Amino acid sequence: MTNTDPIEDVSIAGEVIRLGQFLKFSGLLDSGGNAKEAIIDGYVSVNGEEERRRGRQLHNGDLVTFEGRTVRVRP
């Protein structure tokens, strides 16, 4: 991610959401199967670090990046 890449805020219903769910909810990926594959293959990062746990809990302010697009978790 460069300083010029936009960060999109995505509001969630509760205080936490699992990474796999968030990838679908935010529109970064279109299905649970695709989200699972992308995570397992190491294509997803959370707060700048590769994340391979689909069940990772995300909280307010966490940044999720996939294929150059970054979204921020907001309640």
N, C-alpha and C. Protein backbone atom coordinates (compact mmCIF):
# COMPACT_ATOMS: atom_id res chain seq x y z
N MET A 1 0.84 -1.18 0.00
CA MET A 1 0.00 0.00 0.00
C MET A 1 0.89 1.24 0.00
N THR A 2 0.56 2.18 -0.85
CA THR A 2 1.28 3.44 -0.86
C THR A 2 0.44 4.49 -0.16
N ASN A 3 1.04 5.64 0.10
CA ASN A 3 0.33 6.69 0.80
C ASN A 3 -0.82 7.26 -0.01
N THR A 4 -0.84 7.02 -1.34
CA THR A 4 -1.90 7.56 -2.18
C THR A 4 -3.07 6.61 -2.35
N ASP A 5 -2.94 5.36 -1.88
CA ASP A 5 -4.03 4.40 -2.00
C ASP A 5 -5.15 4.80 -1.03
N PRO A 6 -6.38 4.87 -1.52
CA PRO A 6 -7.49 5.24 -0.63
C PRO A 6 -7.83 4.11 0.32
N ILE A 7 -8.27 4.47 1.51
CA ILE A 7 -8.75 3.49 2.48
C ILE A 7 -10.24 3.72 2.65
N GLU A 8 -10.99 2.68 2.41
CA GLU A 8 -12.45 2.75 2.50
C GLU A 8 -12.89 2.26 3.87
N ASP A 9 -13.77 3.00 4.54
CA ASP A 9 -14.34 2.56 5.81
C ASP A 9 -15.56 1.69 5.54
N VAL A 10 -15.63 0.55 6.23
CA VAL A 10 -16.78 -0.36 6.12
C VAL A 10 -17.35 -0.57 7.51
N SER A 11 -18.59 -0.17 7.70
CA SER A 11 -19.25 -0.30 9.01
C SER A 11 -19.81 -1.70 9.18
N ILE A 12 -19.58 -2.27 10.38
CA ILE A 12 -20.12 -3.58 10.71
C ILE A 12 -21.20 -3.41 11.78
N ALA A 13 -22.04 -4.43 11.92
CA ALA A 13 -23.18 -4.34 12.85
C ALA A 13 -22.77 -4.40 14.31
N GLY A 14 -21.75 -5.19 14.64
CA GLY A 14 -21.35 -5.34 16.03
C GLY A 14 -19.99 -4.73 16.29
N GLU A 15 -19.34 -5.24 17.33
CA GLU A 15 -18.02 -4.72 17.70
C GLU A 15 -16.89 -5.51 17.04
N VAL A 16 -17.17 -6.78 16.71
CA VAL A 16 -16.16 -7.63 16.08
C VAL A 16 -16.77 -8.40 14.92
N ILE A 17 -15.91 -8.82 13.99
CA ILE A 17 -16.33 -9.64 12.86
C ILE A 17 -15.15 -10.52 12.48
N ARG A 18 -15.41 -11.70 12.01
CA ARG A 18 -14.33 -12.60 11.59
C ARG A 18 -13.83 -12.19 10.21
N LEU A 19 -12.56 -12.43 9.98
CA LEU A 19 -11.92 -12.01 8.74
C LEU A 19 -12.63 -12.55 7.51
N GLY A 20 -12.95 -13.84 7.48
CA GLY A 20 -13.63 -14.42 6.33
C GLY A 20 -14.95 -13.74 6.04
N GLN A 21 -15.71 -13.45 7.08
CA GLN A 21 -16.99 -12.77 6.92
C GLN A 21 -16.78 -11.35 6.40
N PHE A 22 -15.77 -10.67 6.95
CA PHE A 22 -15.53 -9.29 6.57
C PHE A 22 -15.11 -9.16 5.11
N LEU A 23 -14.33 -10.11 4.63
CA LEU A 23 -13.92 -10.06 3.22
C LEU A 23 -15.12 -10.09 2.29
N LYS A 24 -16.12 -10.90 2.63
CA LYS A 24 -17.34 -10.95 1.82
C LYS A 24 -18.17 -9.68 2.03
N PHE A 25 -18.38 -9.31 3.29
CA PHE A 25 -19.22 -8.17 3.64
C PHE A 25 -18.71 -6.87 3.01
N SER A 26 -17.40 -6.70 2.99
CA SER A 26 -16.80 -5.47 2.47
C SER A 26 -16.75 -5.43 0.96
N GLY A 27 -16.98 -6.59 0.32
CA GLY A 27 -16.92 -6.64 -1.14
C GLY A 27 -15.53 -6.92 -1.68
N LEU A 28 -14.56 -7.17 -0.80
CA LEU A 28 -13.22 -7.50 -1.29
C LEU A 28 -13.24 -8.83 -2.04
N LEU A 29 -14.07 -9.76 -1.58
CA LEU A 29 -14.26 -11.04 -2.26
C LEU A 29 -15.75 -11.35 -2.30
N ASP A 30 -16.16 -12.19 -3.27
CA ASP A 30 -17.59 -12.39 -3.46
C ASP A 30 -18.16 -13.66 -2.85
N SER A 31 -17.31 -14.53 -2.30
CA SER A 31 -17.85 -15.74 -1.69
C SER A 31 -16.96 -16.22 -0.56
N GLY A 32 -17.54 -17.03 0.30
CA GLY A 32 -16.79 -17.60 1.40
C GLY A 32 -15.67 -18.50 0.93
N GLY A 33 -15.91 -19.24 -0.15
CA GLY A 33 -14.88 -20.11 -0.70
C GLY A 33 -13.68 -19.32 -1.21
N ASN A 34 -13.97 -18.22 -1.90
CA ASN A 34 -12.88 -17.37 -2.39
C ASN A 34 -12.11 -16.74 -1.24
N ALA A 35 -12.84 -16.32 -0.20
CA ALA A 35 -12.19 -15.73 0.97
C ALA A 35 -11.28 -16.74 1.64
N LYS A 36 -11.78 -17.97 1.81
CA LYS A 36 -10.98 -19.02 2.44
C LYS A 36 -9.69 -19.27 1.66
N GLU A 37 -9.80 -19.39 0.34
CA GLU A 37 -8.62 -19.64 -0.50
C GLU A 37 -7.62 -18.49 -0.40
N ALA A 38 -8.11 -17.25 -0.50
CA ALA A 38 -7.22 -16.09 -0.46
C ALA A 38 -6.47 -16.01 0.87
N ILE A 39 -7.17 -16.32 1.96
CA ILE A 39 -6.54 -16.28 3.29
C ILE A 39 -5.50 -17.39 3.41
N ILE A 40 -5.89 -18.61 3.06
CA ILE A 40 -4.97 -19.75 3.17
C ILE A 40 -3.73 -19.53 2.32
N ASP A 41 -3.91 -18.95 1.13
CA ASP A 41 -2.78 -18.73 0.22
C ASP A 41 -1.92 -17.53 0.59
N GLY A 42 -2.31 -16.79 1.65
CA GLY A 42 -1.49 -15.69 2.13
C GLY A 42 -1.64 -14.38 1.39
N TYR A 43 -2.79 -14.20 0.71
CA TYR A 43 -3.01 -12.98 -0.08
C TYR A 43 -3.68 -11.86 0.71
N VAL A 44 -4.04 -12.12 1.95
CA VAL A 44 -4.75 -11.14 2.76
C VAL A 44 -3.85 -10.67 3.90
N SER A 45 -3.85 -9.37 4.15
CA SER A 45 -3.11 -8.86 5.30
C SER A 45 -4.04 -8.06 6.21
N VAL A 46 -3.72 -8.10 7.49
CA VAL A 46 -4.45 -7.33 8.51
C VAL A 46 -3.43 -6.45 9.21
N ASN A 47 -3.66 -5.15 9.17
CA ASN A 47 -2.75 -4.17 9.77
C ASN A 47 -1.32 -4.35 9.27
N GLY A 48 -1.21 -4.64 7.98
CA GLY A 48 0.10 -4.73 7.34
C GLY A 48 0.82 -6.06 7.48
N GLU A 49 0.20 -7.03 8.14
CA GLU A 49 0.84 -8.34 8.33
C GLU A 49 -0.02 -9.43 7.70
N GLU A 50 0.64 -10.36 7.00
CA GLU A 50 -0.06 -11.48 6.39
C GLU A 50 -0.87 -12.22 7.45
N GLU A 51 -2.11 -12.55 7.09
CA GLU A 51 -2.99 -13.26 8.03
C GLU A 51 -3.56 -14.50 7.35
N ARG A 52 -3.35 -15.66 7.95
CA ARG A 52 -3.82 -16.92 7.37
C ARG A 52 -4.92 -17.59 8.19
N ARG A 53 -5.47 -16.85 9.16
CA ARG A 53 -6.56 -17.39 9.99
C ARG A 53 -7.89 -16.77 9.56
N ARG A 54 -8.74 -17.56 8.99
CA ARG A 54 -10.04 -17.08 8.52
C ARG A 54 -10.90 -16.58 9.67
N GLY A 55 -10.73 -17.17 10.85
CA GLY A 55 -11.52 -16.79 12.01
C GLY A 55 -10.94 -15.64 12.82
N ARG A 56 -9.88 -15.03 12.35
CA ARG A 56 -9.28 -13.89 13.06
C ARG A 56 -10.35 -12.84 13.32
N GLN A 57 -10.45 -12.40 14.56
CA GLN A 57 -11.44 -11.38 14.90
C GLN A 57 -10.89 -10.00 14.59
N LEU A 58 -11.70 -9.23 13.88
CA LEU A 58 -11.33 -7.86 13.53
C LEU A 58 -12.10 -6.89 14.42
N HIS A 59 -11.45 -5.80 14.76
CA HIS A 59 -12.04 -4.78 15.64
C HIS A 59 -11.99 -3.42 14.97
N ASN A 60 -12.64 -2.44 15.57
CA ASN A 60 -12.66 -1.08 15.07
C ASN A 60 -11.25 -0.59 14.75
N GLY A 61 -11.07 -0.11 13.53
CA GLY A 61 -9.79 0.47 13.12
C GLY A 61 -8.85 -0.49 12.42
N ASP A 62 -9.12 -1.81 12.47
CA ASP A 62 -8.26 -2.76 11.78
C ASP A 62 -8.31 -2.50 10.28
N LEU A 63 -7.16 -2.64 9.63
CA LEU A 63 -7.05 -2.45 8.18
C LEU A 63 -6.86 -3.81 7.52
N VAL A 64 -7.72 -4.10 6.54
CA VAL A 64 -7.65 -5.37 5.81
C VAL A 64 -7.32 -5.05 4.36
N THR A 65 -6.28 -5.72 3.84
CA THR A 65 -5.84 -5.46 2.47
C THR A 65 -5.87 -6.74 1.65
N PHE A 66 -6.40 -6.62 0.43
CA PHE A 66 -6.41 -7.71 -0.53
C PHE A 66 -6.28 -7.11 -1.92
N GLU A 67 -5.29 -7.59 -2.68
CA GLU A 67 -5.04 -7.14 -4.06
C GLU A 67 -4.99 -5.62 -4.17
N GLY A 68 -4.27 -4.98 -3.28
CA GLY A 68 -4.05 -3.54 -3.36
C GLY A 68 -5.19 -2.67 -2.85
N ARG A 69 -6.27 -3.28 -2.43
CA ARG A 69 -7.41 -2.50 -1.90
C ARG A 69 -7.44 -2.68 -0.38
N THR A 70 -7.53 -1.56 0.34
CA THR A 70 -7.54 -1.59 1.79
C THR A 70 -8.85 -1.03 2.33
N VAL A 71 -9.42 -1.77 3.28
CA VAL A 71 -10.65 -1.31 3.93
C VAL A 71 -10.43 -1.31 5.45
N ARG A 72 -11.08 -0.36 6.12
CA ARG A 72 -10.94 -0.21 7.57
C ARG A 72 -12.25 -0.62 8.23
N VAL A 73 -12.15 -1.39 9.30
CA VAL A 73 -13.32 -1.85 10.06
C VAL A 73 -13.83 -0.68 10.91
N ARG A 74 -15.14 -0.42 10.81
CA ARG A 74 -15.78 0.60 11.63
C ARG A 74 -17.07 0.03 12.21
N PRO A 75 -17.38 0.36 13.47
CA PRO A 75 -18.64 -0.14 14.07
C PRO A 75 -19.84 0.64 13.53
